[in-house]
Amino acid sequence: MAALALEDRFMNLVKVGEKTSTVRRGVRPFTPGEVLTLEGTGGDNLGVFITEVTFKMVEDLTDADARADGFEDSDELLEVLEGIYGALTPSETVTVIRFAL
């Protein structure tokens, strides 16, 4: 079973259905149909079902991608991603993992 760390503030959004995806730097080897364990920073774990995995360049992230990830728009998503990973280039690849409870 695959696992990803997730800050507790984001874990709470998953639990209430406001976050149905996560964007991760680079190409990540996840498969639709796989169960993914989200590991909260406070020790809370949650199993989700991966529904879709896509690879995009940073510059191609949309407001719809951002909303599925629990953000208002792609600018806010990019700001948070850069806070986690550091500077991202527009042509850098990210993995968008969509999931359901």
N, C-alpha and C. Protein backbone atom coordinates (compact mmCIF):
# COMPACT_ATOMS: atom_id res chain seq x y z
N MET A 1 0.85 -1.18 0.00
CA MET A 1 0.00 0.00 0.00
C MET A 1 0.90 1.24 0.00
N ALA A 2 0.60 2.17 -0.87
CA ALA A 2 1.37 3.40 -0.98
C ALA A 2 0.98 4.37 0.13
N ALA A 3 1.90 5.27 0.46
CA ALA A 3 1.62 6.25 1.50
C ALA A 3 2.23 7.60 1.13
N LEU A 4 1.59 8.66 1.58
CA LEU A 4 2.08 10.03 1.41
C LEU A 4 1.87 10.79 2.71
N ALA A 5 2.83 11.61 3.07
CA ALA A 5 2.68 12.49 4.23
C ALA A 5 1.77 13.66 3.84
N LEU A 6 0.97 14.10 4.79
CA LEU A 6 0.06 15.21 4.55
C LEU A 6 -0.08 16.02 5.83
N GLU A 7 0.14 17.33 5.72
CA GLU A 7 0.00 18.18 6.91
C GLU A 7 -1.43 18.07 7.43
N ASP A 8 -1.56 18.15 8.75
CA ASP A 8 -2.87 18.01 9.38
C ASP A 8 -3.90 19.01 8.85
N ARG A 9 -3.47 20.24 8.53
CA ARG A 9 -4.43 21.22 8.01
C ARG A 9 -5.05 20.75 6.71
N PHE A 10 -4.31 19.98 5.92
CA PHE A 10 -4.85 19.44 4.68
C PHE A 10 -5.64 18.17 4.93
N MET A 11 -5.23 17.38 5.91
CA MET A 11 -5.94 16.15 6.26
C MET A 11 -7.39 16.47 6.63
N ASN A 12 -7.58 17.54 7.37
CA ASN A 12 -8.94 17.94 7.76
C ASN A 12 -9.79 18.27 6.54
N LEU A 13 -9.20 18.88 5.51
CA LEU A 13 -9.94 19.19 4.28
C LEU A 13 -10.35 17.90 3.55
N VAL A 14 -9.49 16.88 3.59
CA VAL A 14 -9.83 15.58 2.98
C VAL A 14 -11.04 15.00 3.69
N LYS A 15 -11.02 15.03 5.01
CA LYS A 15 -12.09 14.41 5.80
C LYS A 15 -13.45 15.03 5.53
N VAL A 16 -13.49 16.33 5.21
CA VAL A 16 -14.78 16.99 4.95
C VAL A 16 -15.09 17.09 3.45
N GLY A 17 -14.25 16.47 2.61
CA GLY A 17 -14.52 16.42 1.18
C GLY A 17 -14.13 17.65 0.39
N GLU A 18 -13.39 18.58 1.00
CA GLU A 18 -12.97 19.79 0.29
C GLU A 18 -11.64 19.62 -0.44
N LYS A 19 -10.93 18.55 -0.16
CA LYS A 19 -9.67 18.24 -0.82
C LYS A 19 -9.79 16.84 -1.39
N THR A 20 -9.76 16.74 -2.71
CA THR A 20 -9.90 15.45 -3.39
C THR A 20 -8.71 15.14 -4.28
N SER A 21 -7.63 15.87 -4.08
CA SER A 21 -6.40 15.61 -4.83
C SER A 21 -5.21 16.16 -4.07
N THR A 22 -4.04 15.77 -4.52
CA THR A 22 -2.79 16.34 -4.02
C THR A 22 -1.84 16.46 -5.18
N VAL A 23 -1.06 17.52 -5.19
CA VAL A 23 -0.07 17.75 -6.24
C VAL A 23 1.31 17.56 -5.62
N ARG A 24 2.11 16.73 -6.25
CA ARG A 24 3.45 16.43 -5.74
C ARG A 24 4.50 16.71 -6.82
N ARG A 25 5.64 17.22 -6.39
CA ARG A 25 6.74 17.54 -7.30
C ARG A 25 7.28 16.26 -7.93
N GLY A 26 7.56 16.33 -9.22
CA GLY A 26 8.16 15.21 -9.93
C GLY A 26 7.13 14.19 -10.40
N VAL A 27 7.63 13.13 -10.99
CA VAL A 27 6.78 12.04 -11.46
C VAL A 27 6.71 11.00 -10.35
N ARG A 28 5.52 10.77 -9.85
CA ARG A 28 5.31 9.83 -8.76
C ARG A 28 4.60 8.59 -9.29
N PRO A 29 5.06 7.39 -8.90
CA PRO A 29 4.53 6.15 -9.46
C PRO A 29 3.28 5.63 -8.75
N PHE A 30 2.17 6.34 -8.87
CA PHE A 30 0.92 5.89 -8.28
C PHE A 30 0.00 5.40 -9.39
N THR A 31 -0.93 4.51 -9.04
CA THR A 31 -1.80 3.87 -10.02
C THR A 31 -3.26 4.03 -9.61
N PRO A 32 -4.11 4.45 -10.56
CA PRO A 32 -5.55 4.48 -10.24
C PRO A 32 -6.02 3.10 -9.79
N GLY A 33 -6.90 3.08 -8.80
CA GLY A 33 -7.39 1.84 -8.23
C GLY A 33 -6.64 1.41 -6.99
N GLU A 34 -5.48 2.01 -6.79
CA GLU A 34 -4.65 1.70 -5.64
C GLU A 34 -5.19 2.43 -4.39
N VAL A 35 -5.03 1.80 -3.24
CA VAL A 35 -5.36 2.46 -1.98
C VAL A 35 -4.12 3.22 -1.53
N LEU A 36 -4.32 4.47 -1.15
CA LEU A 36 -3.25 5.35 -0.72
C LEU A 36 -3.50 5.73 0.74
N THR A 37 -2.50 5.58 1.58
CA THR A 37 -2.61 6.00 2.97
C THR A 37 -2.04 7.41 3.09
N LEU A 38 -2.89 8.34 3.51
CA LEU A 38 -2.44 9.69 3.80
C LEU A 38 -2.04 9.70 5.27
N GLU A 39 -0.79 10.04 5.52
CA GLU A 39 -0.24 10.01 6.87
C GLU A 39 -0.15 11.43 7.40
N GLY A 40 -1.02 11.77 8.33
CA GLY A 40 -1.04 13.11 8.90
C GLY A 40 0.17 13.36 9.78
N THR A 41 0.58 14.61 9.83
CA THR A 41 1.75 14.97 10.63
C THR A 41 1.50 14.77 12.12
N GLY A 42 0.23 14.75 12.52
CA GLY A 42 -0.10 14.53 13.93
C GLY A 42 -0.34 13.07 14.26
N GLY A 43 -0.06 12.16 13.31
CA GLY A 43 -0.22 10.74 13.56
C GLY A 43 -1.53 10.15 13.08
N ASP A 44 -2.42 10.98 12.55
CA ASP A 44 -3.71 10.52 12.03
C ASP A 44 -3.52 10.00 10.60
N ASN A 45 -3.95 8.78 10.33
CA ASN A 45 -3.85 8.21 8.99
C ASN A 45 -5.24 8.03 8.39
N LEU A 46 -5.30 8.14 7.07
CA LEU A 46 -6.57 8.01 6.38
C LEU A 46 -6.35 7.30 5.05
N GLY A 47 -7.11 6.26 4.78
CA GLY A 47 -7.02 5.55 3.51
C GLY A 47 -7.95 6.16 2.48
N VAL A 48 -7.42 6.39 1.28
CA VAL A 48 -8.21 6.90 0.17
C VAL A 48 -7.98 6.02 -1.06
N PHE A 49 -8.90 6.10 -2.00
CA PHE A 49 -8.85 5.31 -3.23
C PHE A 49 -8.40 6.24 -4.35
N ILE A 50 -7.28 5.92 -5.02
CA ILE A 50 -6.79 6.76 -6.11
C ILE A 50 -7.70 6.57 -7.33
N THR A 51 -8.25 7.68 -7.82
CA THR A 51 -9.16 7.62 -8.97
C THR A 51 -8.50 8.03 -10.28
N GLU A 52 -7.45 8.87 -10.19
CA GLU A 52 -6.79 9.35 -11.40
C GLU A 52 -5.40 9.86 -11.05
N VAL A 53 -4.44 9.63 -11.94
CA VAL A 53 -3.09 10.16 -11.79
C VAL A 53 -2.71 10.80 -13.11
N THR A 54 -2.32 12.09 -13.07
CA THR A 54 -1.89 12.78 -14.28
C THR A 54 -0.57 13.50 -14.00
N PHE A 55 0.17 13.74 -15.07
CA PHE A 55 1.43 14.45 -14.98
C PHE A 55 1.29 15.74 -15.78
N LYS A 56 1.67 16.85 -15.17
CA LYS A 56 1.54 18.15 -15.81
C LYS A 56 2.78 18.97 -15.55
N MET A 57 2.99 19.96 -16.40
CA MET A 57 4.00 20.95 -16.10
C MET A 57 3.37 21.96 -15.14
N VAL A 58 4.17 22.56 -14.29
CA VAL A 58 3.68 23.53 -13.32
C VAL A 58 2.84 24.60 -14.00
N GLU A 59 3.28 25.09 -15.16
CA GLU A 59 2.56 26.16 -15.85
C GLU A 59 1.18 25.72 -16.37
N ASP A 60 0.93 24.42 -16.40
CA ASP A 60 -0.36 23.90 -16.88
C ASP A 60 -1.35 23.60 -15.75
N LEU A 61 -0.96 23.83 -14.50
CA LEU A 61 -1.90 23.64 -13.40
C LEU A 61 -3.01 24.68 -13.50
N THR A 62 -4.24 24.23 -13.34
CA THR A 62 -5.41 25.09 -13.53
C THR A 62 -6.05 25.46 -12.20
N ASP A 63 -6.99 26.40 -12.26
CA ASP A 63 -7.77 26.72 -11.07
C ASP A 63 -8.58 25.51 -10.61
N ALA A 64 -9.04 24.69 -11.56
CA ALA A 64 -9.78 23.47 -11.20
C ALA A 64 -8.87 22.51 -10.43
N ASP A 65 -7.60 22.38 -10.85
CA ASP A 65 -6.65 21.55 -10.10
C ASP A 65 -6.50 22.09 -8.69
N ALA A 66 -6.40 23.41 -8.57
CA ALA A 66 -6.21 24.04 -7.27
C ALA A 66 -7.42 23.81 -6.37
N ARG A 67 -8.63 23.99 -6.90
CA ARG A 67 -9.84 23.80 -6.09
C ARG A 67 -9.96 22.36 -5.60
N ALA A 68 -9.62 21.38 -6.45
CA ALA A 68 -9.66 19.98 -6.04
C ALA A 68 -8.66 19.71 -4.92
N ASP A 69 -7.60 20.53 -4.87
CA ASP A 69 -6.57 20.38 -3.85
C ASP A 69 -6.86 21.22 -2.60
N GLY A 70 -8.01 21.91 -2.60
CA GLY A 70 -8.41 22.66 -1.43
C GLY A 70 -8.01 24.12 -1.42
N PHE A 71 -7.62 24.65 -2.59
CA PHE A 71 -7.19 26.05 -2.69
C PHE A 71 -8.15 26.85 -3.56
N GLU A 72 -8.06 28.17 -3.44
CA GLU A 72 -8.93 29.07 -4.21
C GLU A 72 -8.60 29.07 -5.69
N ASP A 73 -7.30 29.13 -6.01
CA ASP A 73 -6.89 29.22 -7.42
C ASP A 73 -5.46 28.70 -7.58
N SER A 74 -4.99 28.67 -8.82
CA SER A 74 -3.67 28.10 -9.10
C SER A 74 -2.55 28.94 -8.49
N ASP A 75 -2.75 30.24 -8.32
CA ASP A 75 -1.73 31.08 -7.69
C ASP A 75 -1.51 30.65 -6.23
N GLU A 76 -2.61 30.42 -5.52
CA GLU A 76 -2.50 29.97 -4.12
C GLU A 76 -1.86 28.59 -4.05
N LEU A 77 -2.24 27.70 -4.95
CA LEU A 77 -1.65 26.36 -4.99
C LEU A 77 -0.15 26.46 -5.21
N LEU A 78 0.28 27.26 -6.18
CA LEU A 78 1.70 27.40 -6.48
C LEU A 78 2.46 27.98 -5.28
N GLU A 79 1.85 28.94 -4.60
CA GLU A 79 2.48 29.54 -3.42
C GLU A 79 2.74 28.48 -2.34
N VAL A 80 1.76 27.62 -2.10
CA VAL A 80 1.92 26.57 -1.09
C VAL A 80 2.94 25.53 -1.55
N LEU A 81 2.88 25.14 -2.82
CA LEU A 81 3.85 24.17 -3.34
C LEU A 81 5.27 24.69 -3.19
N GLU A 82 5.48 25.97 -3.51
CA GLU A 82 6.83 26.54 -3.39
C GLU A 82 7.24 26.67 -1.92
N GLY A 83 6.27 26.83 -1.02
CA GLY A 83 6.58 26.84 0.40
C GLY A 83 7.06 25.48 0.88
N ILE A 84 6.58 24.44 0.25
CA ILE A 84 6.96 23.06 0.62
C ILE A 84 8.25 22.64 -0.09
N TYR A 85 8.30 22.88 -1.43
CA TYR A 85 9.39 22.35 -2.24
C TYR A 85 10.48 23.35 -2.59
N GLY A 86 10.24 24.64 -2.37
CA GLY A 86 11.16 25.66 -2.87
C GLY A 86 10.72 26.06 -4.27
N ALA A 87 11.52 26.87 -4.93
CA ALA A 87 11.15 27.40 -6.24
C ALA A 87 10.88 26.27 -7.24
N LEU A 88 9.82 26.45 -8.01
CA LEU A 88 9.47 25.51 -9.09
C LEU A 88 9.57 26.27 -10.41
N THR A 89 10.06 25.59 -11.43
CA THR A 89 10.11 26.22 -12.75
C THR A 89 8.81 25.91 -13.49
N PRO A 90 8.39 26.79 -14.40
CA PRO A 90 7.13 26.57 -15.14
C PRO A 90 7.11 25.24 -15.91
N SER A 91 8.27 24.77 -16.37
CA SER A 91 8.31 23.54 -17.17
C SER A 91 8.55 22.28 -16.32
N GLU A 92 8.62 22.45 -15.01
CA GLU A 92 8.83 21.30 -14.13
C GLU A 92 7.58 20.42 -14.07
N THR A 93 7.79 19.12 -13.99
CA THR A 93 6.67 18.18 -13.95
C THR A 93 6.20 17.95 -12.51
N VAL A 94 4.88 17.92 -12.35
CA VAL A 94 4.27 17.55 -11.07
C VAL A 94 3.29 16.41 -11.33
N THR A 95 2.99 15.68 -10.29
CA THR A 95 2.01 14.59 -10.36
C THR A 95 0.75 15.04 -9.62
N VAL A 96 -0.38 14.96 -10.31
CA VAL A 96 -1.67 15.28 -9.71
C VAL A 96 -2.36 13.96 -9.39
N ILE A 97 -2.58 13.70 -8.12
CA ILE A 97 -3.19 12.46 -7.66
C ILE A 97 -4.59 12.78 -7.16
N ARG A 98 -5.61 12.29 -7.87
CA ARG A 98 -7.00 12.51 -7.44
C ARG A 98 -7.47 11.27 -6.68
N PHE A 99 -8.28 11.50 -5.66
CA PHE A 99 -8.69 10.39 -4.81
C PHE A 99 -10.08 10.59 -4.26
N ALA A 100 -10.64 9.52 -3.70
CA ALA A 100 -11.95 9.55 -3.05
C ALA A 100 -11.85 8.77 -1.75
N LEU A 101 -12.69 9.16 -0.78
CA LEU A 101 -12.73 8.44 0.50
C LEU A 101 -13.31 7.07 0.31
